N, C-alpha and C. Protein backbone atom coordinates (compact mmCIF):
# COMPACT_ATOMS: atom_id res chain seq x y z
N MET A 1 247.00 22.29 166.31
CA MET A 1 248.50 23.06 166.60
C MET A 1 249.20 22.64 165.59
N SER A 2 249.97 23.05 164.68
CA SER A 2 251.15 22.98 163.72
C SER A 2 252.24 23.41 164.24
N LEU A 3 253.07 22.77 163.99
CA LEU A 3 254.50 22.93 164.27
C LEU A 3 255.47 23.12 162.91
N ARG A 4 256.43 23.91 162.74
CA ARG A 4 256.93 23.94 161.61
C ARG A 4 258.62 23.58 162.04
N HIS A 5 258.89 22.42 161.26
CA HIS A 5 259.95 22.00 161.49
C HIS A 5 261.33 22.45 160.49
N ARG A 6 262.36 22.84 160.98
CA ARG A 6 263.18 22.85 159.91
C ARG A 6 264.29 22.03 159.49
N LEU A 7 264.59 21.48 158.53
CA LEU A 7 264.84 20.15 158.21
C LEU A 7 266.57 20.26 157.60
N VAL A 8 267.19 20.19 158.49
CA VAL A 8 268.49 20.66 158.13
C VAL A 8 269.34 19.55 157.29
N SER A 9 268.54 18.67 157.31
CA SER A 9 268.93 17.54 156.23
C SER A 9 268.57 17.48 154.92
N CYS A 10 267.73 18.55 154.66
CA CYS A 10 267.33 18.99 153.29
C CYS A 10 267.48 20.55 152.87
N ARG A 11 268.31 20.69 151.97
CA ARG A 11 268.59 21.91 151.81
C ARG A 11 268.30 22.16 150.53
N PRO A 12 267.78 23.22 149.90
CA PRO A 12 266.99 23.53 148.80
C PRO A 12 267.94 23.41 147.71
N ASP A 13 269.11 23.43 147.86
CA ASP A 13 270.37 23.20 146.59
C ASP A 13 270.12 21.92 146.76
N GLU A 14 270.00 21.03 147.01
CA GLU A 14 269.89 19.68 147.14
C GLU A 14 268.79 19.04 146.27
N LEU A 15 267.65 19.65 146.44
CA LEU A 15 266.57 19.43 145.83
C LEU A 15 266.04 20.07 144.41
N THR A 16 266.49 19.38 143.87
CA THR A 16 266.40 19.90 142.33
C THR A 16 265.13 18.91 141.87
N PRO A 17 264.93 19.56 140.71
CA PRO A 17 263.75 19.01 140.42
C PRO A 17 263.97 17.48 139.89
N GLY A 18 262.98 16.81 140.31
CA GLY A 18 262.70 15.00 140.17
C GLY A 18 263.48 14.25 141.50
N SER A 19 264.59 15.20 142.40
CA SER A 19 264.87 14.76 143.64
C SER A 19 264.14 14.80 145.03
N VAL A 20 264.47 13.70 145.71
CA VAL A 20 263.58 13.66 147.02
C VAL A 20 264.53 13.53 148.50
N CYS A 21 264.15 14.07 149.31
CA CYS A 21 264.88 13.96 150.74
C CYS A 21 263.76 13.54 151.63
N VAL A 22 264.36 12.66 152.46
CA VAL A 22 263.30 11.64 153.55
C VAL A 22 264.13 12.01 154.80
N VAL A 23 262.98 12.55 155.58
CA VAL A 23 263.28 12.90 157.26
C VAL A 23 262.48 12.23 158.18
N ASP A 24 262.49 12.36 159.46
CA ASP A 24 262.04 12.10 160.64
C ASP A 24 261.72 13.28 161.30
N VAL A 25 259.95 13.40 161.66
CA VAL A 25 259.76 14.35 162.31
C VAL A 25 258.51 13.80 163.14
N GLU A 26 258.69 13.59 164.59
CA GLU A 26 257.68 13.88 165.28
C GLU A 26 257.24 11.97 165.13
N ASP A 27 257.93 11.34 165.06
CA ASP A 27 257.97 10.03 165.03
C ASP A 27 257.10 9.39 163.48
N ARG A 28 257.33 10.49 162.56
CA ARG A 28 256.78 10.09 161.12
C ARG A 28 257.93 10.46 160.32
N ARG A 29 257.99 9.57 159.28
CA ARG A 29 258.87 9.53 158.32
C ARG A 29 258.43 10.44 156.82
N ILE A 30 258.84 11.85 156.24
CA ILE A 30 258.12 12.29 155.56
C ILE A 30 259.26 12.28 154.49
N ALA A 31 258.52 12.05 153.20
CA ALA A 31 259.31 12.60 152.17
C ALA A 31 258.85 13.95 151.44
N VAL A 32 259.86 14.60 151.26
CA VAL A 32 259.85 15.85 150.26
C VAL A 32 260.40 15.86 149.43
N PHE A 33 259.45 15.87 148.11
CA PHE A 33 259.95 15.96 146.49
C PHE A 33 259.79 17.20 146.26
N ASN A 34 260.99 17.40 144.94
CA ASN A 34 261.07 18.68 144.21
C ASN A 34 260.15 18.09 142.88
N VAL A 35 258.92 18.76 142.57
CA VAL A 35 258.07 18.34 141.59
C VAL A 35 258.08 19.44 140.67
N ASP A 36 258.99 19.50 139.47
CA ASP A 36 258.95 20.45 138.48
C ASP A 36 259.08 21.82 139.07
N GLY A 37 259.89 21.94 140.23
CA GLY A 37 260.58 23.16 140.95
C GLY A 37 259.59 23.41 141.98
N GLU A 38 258.29 22.68 142.45
CA GLU A 38 257.73 22.71 143.46
C GLU A 38 257.93 21.90 144.73
N LEU A 39 258.51 22.25 146.00
CA LEU A 39 258.62 21.26 146.70
C LEU A 39 257.02 21.09 147.37
N VAL A 40 257.18 19.43 147.27
CA VAL A 40 255.92 19.06 148.18
C VAL A 40 256.30 17.74 149.26
N ALA A 41 255.40 17.60 150.52
CA ALA A 41 255.95 16.31 151.45
C ALA A 41 254.83 15.76 151.19
N ILE A 42 255.11 14.59 151.61
CA ILE A 42 254.04 13.70 151.92
C ILE A 42 254.48 12.48 152.84
N ASP A 43 253.72 11.66 153.38
CA ASP A 43 254.10 10.57 154.52
C ASP A 43 254.80 9.55 153.42
N ASP A 44 256.04 8.97 154.02
CA ASP A 44 256.67 8.05 153.13
C ASP A 44 256.20 6.92 152.97
N ARG A 45 255.42 6.49 153.93
CA ARG A 45 254.89 5.11 153.91
C ARG A 45 253.56 5.00 153.14
N CYS A 46 253.89 3.80 152.16
CA CYS A 46 252.53 3.75 151.55
C CYS A 46 251.81 3.06 152.28
N ALA A 47 250.14 3.53 152.14
CA ALA A 47 249.01 3.01 152.87
C ALA A 47 248.91 1.65 152.77
N HIS A 48 249.56 1.16 151.55
CA HIS A 48 249.20 -0.60 151.09
C HIS A 48 249.95 -1.21 151.98
N LYS A 49 251.35 -1.65 151.82
CA LYS A 49 252.06 -2.30 152.82
C LYS A 49 253.42 -1.65 153.28
N GLY A 50 253.33 -0.10 153.42
CA GLY A 50 254.22 0.36 154.22
C GLY A 50 255.76 0.98 153.23
N GLY A 51 255.63 0.79 152.06
CA GLY A 51 256.76 0.57 151.40
C GLY A 51 257.28 2.28 151.34
N SER A 52 258.31 2.63 151.04
CA SER A 52 259.05 4.07 150.89
C SER A 52 258.45 4.83 149.46
N LEU A 53 257.79 5.28 149.51
CA LEU A 53 257.32 6.23 148.32
C LEU A 53 258.56 7.11 148.01
N ALA A 54 259.83 7.54 148.69
CA ALA A 54 260.87 8.05 148.47
C ALA A 54 261.57 7.38 147.26
N GLU A 55 261.55 5.81 147.35
CA GLU A 55 261.96 5.03 146.48
C GLU A 55 261.17 5.01 145.30
N GLY A 56 260.25 5.25 145.20
CA GLY A 56 259.27 4.80 143.98
C GLY A 56 259.73 5.76 142.91
N MET A 57 259.36 5.30 141.74
CA MET A 57 259.30 6.21 140.48
C MET A 57 258.38 7.35 140.74
N VAL A 58 258.81 8.67 140.15
CA VAL A 58 258.17 9.99 139.89
C VAL A 58 257.93 10.02 138.56
N ARG A 59 256.60 10.44 138.07
CA ARG A 59 256.80 11.06 136.92
C ARG A 59 255.46 12.06 136.50
N ASN A 60 255.49 13.38 136.52
CA ASN A 60 254.11 13.98 136.06
C ASN A 60 253.48 14.03 137.40
N GLY A 61 254.36 14.39 138.65
CA GLY A 61 253.59 14.62 139.86
C GLY A 61 252.91 13.57 140.49
N ILE A 62 253.58 11.95 140.15
CA ILE A 62 252.71 11.16 140.37
C ILE A 62 253.99 10.18 140.94
N VAL A 63 253.93 9.29 142.33
CA VAL A 63 255.07 8.34 142.63
C VAL A 63 254.28 7.34 142.87
N THR A 64 255.22 6.06 142.34
CA THR A 64 254.27 5.27 142.02
C THR A 64 255.32 3.83 143.31
N CYS A 65 254.72 3.24 144.06
CA CYS A 65 255.46 2.64 145.25
C CYS A 65 255.89 1.42 145.02
N PRO A 66 257.12 1.40 144.98
CA PRO A 66 257.90 -0.05 144.77
C PRO A 66 257.88 -1.17 144.68
N GLN A 67 256.60 -1.01 145.79
CA GLN A 67 256.58 -2.58 146.31
C GLN A 67 255.59 -3.18 145.73
N HIS A 68 254.26 -2.31 145.29
CA HIS A 68 252.82 -3.06 145.14
C HIS A 68 252.29 -2.20 144.07
N TRP A 69 252.99 -1.03 143.28
CA TRP A 69 252.90 -0.13 142.63
C TRP A 69 251.49 0.30 142.67
N TRP A 70 251.21 1.15 144.05
CA TRP A 70 250.16 2.02 144.08
C TRP A 70 250.68 3.10 143.90
N ARG A 71 250.04 3.96 142.96
CA ARG A 71 250.35 5.48 142.69
C ARG A 71 249.44 6.67 143.88
N TYR A 72 249.94 7.72 143.78
CA TYR A 72 249.75 8.53 144.47
C TYR A 72 250.16 9.67 143.55
N ASP A 73 248.89 10.69 143.97
CA ASP A 73 249.38 12.37 143.20
C ASP A 73 250.10 12.90 144.60
N LEU A 74 251.16 13.44 144.28
CA LEU A 74 252.38 13.97 145.14
C LEU A 74 251.81 15.22 146.00
N ARG A 75 250.79 15.97 145.25
CA ARG A 75 250.31 17.12 145.59
C ARG A 75 249.17 17.11 146.27
N THR A 76 248.24 16.24 146.51
CA THR A 76 247.08 15.90 146.98
C THR A 76 247.26 14.78 147.87
N GLY A 77 248.13 13.89 147.78
CA GLY A 77 248.37 12.69 148.62
C GLY A 77 247.24 11.64 148.40
N ARG A 78 245.99 11.88 147.30
CA ARG A 78 245.23 11.10 146.89
C ARG A 78 245.62 9.99 146.13
N ARG A 79 245.51 8.60 146.48
CA ARG A 79 245.76 7.59 145.54
C ARG A 79 245.17 7.56 143.87
N VAL A 80 245.90 7.43 143.18
CA VAL A 80 245.47 7.54 141.66
C VAL A 80 244.25 6.30 141.55
N ALA A 81 243.09 6.48 141.14
CA ALA A 81 242.02 5.78 140.73
C ALA A 81 241.29 5.39 142.20
N SER A 82 241.33 6.27 143.04
CA SER A 82 240.72 5.58 144.24
C SER A 82 240.88 6.75 145.36
N ASP A 83 239.39 7.40 145.59
CA ASP A 83 239.26 8.69 146.29
C ASP A 83 238.93 8.37 148.10
N GLU A 84 239.59 6.98 148.07
CA GLU A 84 239.01 6.46 149.79
C GLU A 84 240.30 6.59 150.05
N VAL A 85 241.71 6.63 149.44
CA VAL A 85 242.92 6.33 150.12
C VAL A 85 243.74 7.57 149.83
N ALA A 86 244.00 8.01 151.01
CA ALA A 86 244.82 9.28 150.64
C ALA A 86 246.58 9.19 151.55
N GLN A 87 247.40 9.54 151.23
CA GLN A 87 248.37 10.12 152.23
C GLN A 87 248.59 11.47 152.90
N GLN A 88 249.00 11.46 153.96
CA GLN A 88 248.85 12.68 154.68
C GLN A 88 250.10 13.60 153.74
N THR A 89 249.50 15.13 153.60
CA THR A 89 251.03 15.68 153.06
C THR A 89 251.05 16.68 153.75
N TYR A 90 251.84 17.83 153.58
CA TYR A 90 252.60 18.76 154.35
C TYR A 90 252.87 19.90 153.86
N ALA A 91 252.56 21.17 154.27
CA ALA A 91 252.82 22.44 153.83
C ALA A 91 254.82 22.48 154.04
N VAL A 92 255.17 22.87 152.54
CA VAL A 92 256.48 23.04 152.54
C VAL A 92 257.13 24.60 152.31
N ALA A 93 257.69 24.89 152.61
CA ALA A 93 257.95 26.41 152.87
C ALA A 93 259.60 26.48 152.81
N VAL A 94 260.51 27.33 151.96
CA VAL A 94 261.82 27.90 152.06
C VAL A 94 262.21 29.13 153.25
N VAL A 95 262.67 28.74 154.21
CA VAL A 95 263.03 30.34 155.07
C VAL A 95 264.18 30.13 155.33
N ASP A 96 264.79 31.27 154.81
CA ASP A 96 266.38 31.55 155.39
C ASP A 96 266.96 30.63 154.52
N GLY A 97 266.76 29.99 153.48
CA GLY A 97 267.74 29.05 152.93
C GLY A 97 267.71 27.65 153.65
N VAL A 98 266.69 27.40 154.28
CA VAL A 98 266.27 25.82 154.52
C VAL A 98 264.91 25.78 154.33
N VAL A 99 264.81 24.06 154.20
CA VAL A 99 263.56 23.36 153.51
C VAL A 99 262.84 23.65 155.38
N GLU A 100 261.60 23.98 155.37
CA GLU A 100 260.55 23.57 156.20
C GLU A 100 259.68 23.00 156.11
N VAL A 101 258.92 22.04 156.96
CA VAL A 101 257.64 21.45 156.66
C VAL A 101 256.69 21.79 157.76
N GLU A 102 255.79 21.81 157.79
CA GLU A 102 254.32 22.18 158.67
C GLU A 102 254.20 20.68 158.89
N VAL A 103 254.02 20.64 159.86
CA VAL A 103 253.73 19.02 160.74
C VAL A 103 252.99 19.38 162.03
N PRO A 104 251.28 18.80 161.55
CA PRO A 104 250.39 19.18 162.62
C PRO A 104 251.27 17.99 163.87
N ALA A 105 250.58 18.57 165.49
CA ALA A 105 251.09 17.79 166.07
C ALA A 105 250.37 16.79 166.19
N LEU A 106 250.81 15.70 166.83
CA LEU A 106 250.20 14.15 167.10
C LEU A 106 248.99 14.33 168.06
N ALA A 107 247.93 14.00 167.89
CA ALA A 107 246.88 13.65 169.02
C ALA A 107 247.36 12.54 169.93
N PRO A 108 247.09 13.37 171.04
CA PRO A 108 247.70 12.40 172.41
C PRO A 108 246.94 10.79 172.32
N ALA A 109 247.76 9.92 172.59
CA ALA A 109 247.10 8.70 172.60
C ALA A 109 246.37 8.62 173.68
N GLY A 110 244.86 8.22 173.47
CA GLY A 110 244.06 7.39 174.55
C GLY A 110 244.25 6.24 174.99
N SER A 111 243.48 6.12 175.94
CA SER A 111 243.92 4.85 177.18
C SER A 111 243.10 3.86 176.29
N MET A 112 243.46 2.28 176.78
CA MET A 112 242.58 1.46 176.13
C MET A 112 241.25 1.42 176.66
N ARG A 113 241.11 1.80 178.19
CA ARG A 113 239.54 2.17 178.59
C ARG A 113 238.89 2.89 177.80
N ASP A 114 239.62 3.99 177.27
CA ASP A 114 238.96 5.07 176.45
C ASP A 114 238.41 4.56 174.95
N PHE A 115 239.36 3.68 174.68
CA PHE A 115 239.10 3.21 173.38
C PHE A 115 237.74 1.89 173.82
N LEU A 116 238.18 1.57 174.61
CA LEU A 116 236.96 0.62 174.68
C LEU A 116 235.33 0.75 174.66
N LEU A 117 235.61 1.97 175.71
CA LEU A 117 234.25 2.85 175.74
C LEU A 117 233.54 3.15 174.80
N ARG A 118 234.39 3.86 173.96
CA ARG A 118 233.66 4.72 172.58
C ARG A 118 233.31 3.22 171.66
N HIS A 119 234.05 2.30 171.48
CA HIS A 119 233.93 1.40 170.48
C HIS A 119 232.37 0.65 171.34
N ALA A 120 232.44 0.37 172.25
CA ALA A 120 231.20 -0.09 173.08
C ALA A 120 229.65 0.73 172.60
N ALA A 121 229.88 2.17 172.59
CA ALA A 121 229.05 3.00 172.70
C ALA A 121 228.88 3.45 171.21
N GLU A 122 229.65 3.07 170.36
CA GLU A 122 229.35 3.18 168.74
C GLU A 122 228.50 1.71 168.57
N TRP A 123 228.92 0.76 169.15
CA TRP A 123 228.57 -0.58 168.72
C TRP A 123 226.94 -0.62 169.36
N ASN A 124 226.66 -0.09 170.44
CA ASN A 124 225.12 0.08 171.22
C ASN A 124 224.79 1.25 169.84
N ALA A 125 225.06 2.22 169.76
CA ALA A 125 224.24 2.92 169.00
C ALA A 125 223.59 2.37 167.72
N ALA A 126 224.68 1.68 166.74
CA ALA A 126 224.41 0.59 166.04
C ALA A 126 223.29 -0.29 165.97
N HIS A 127 223.32 -0.58 167.35
CA HIS A 127 222.53 -1.92 167.27
C HIS A 127 221.49 -1.87 167.96
N ARG A 128 221.15 -0.70 168.45
CA ARG A 128 219.78 -0.54 169.24
C ARG A 128 218.45 -0.61 168.29
N PRO A 129 218.12 -1.32 169.32
CA PRO A 129 216.22 -1.82 168.31
C PRO A 129 215.72 -0.43 168.14
N ALA A 130 215.25 -0.14 166.78
CA ALA A 130 214.21 0.94 166.84
C ALA A 130 212.96 0.96 167.40
N GLU A 131 212.62 1.85 167.59
CA GLU A 131 211.65 2.36 168.44
C GLU A 131 210.07 1.81 167.90
N ALA A 132 208.98 1.59 168.74
CA ALA A 132 208.03 1.74 167.75
C ALA A 132 207.06 2.85 167.89
N PRO A 133 206.39 2.82 166.87
CA PRO A 133 205.64 4.09 166.77
C PRO A 133 204.26 4.50 167.28
């Protein structure tokens, strides 16, 4: 399930090319960038050390984290030079003069018991002896 959030703190006229607006939605910090006239939204916290991507330098649709220089493609969320790391991206639209970001609902947190049972089952499956032919 996805929710559309109206970001009253981000107005389209404030998001000129090259600018960014940061908002908190559902316990997430999201940065909305204007990349050459296209609005894109991405998690604001760098996957490496949690630096604010909104404070990073943007060039050619790539943002560089100001803490340790990890670079992300703002349109895809993928880390440059690594297919294994990606930031969450969000759909953005301007509706009736207001910026809206589509944010998937967070999965409900499971209990510690559920976590431990799942982990034990995965461990058992990985370490089960092979059956004799």
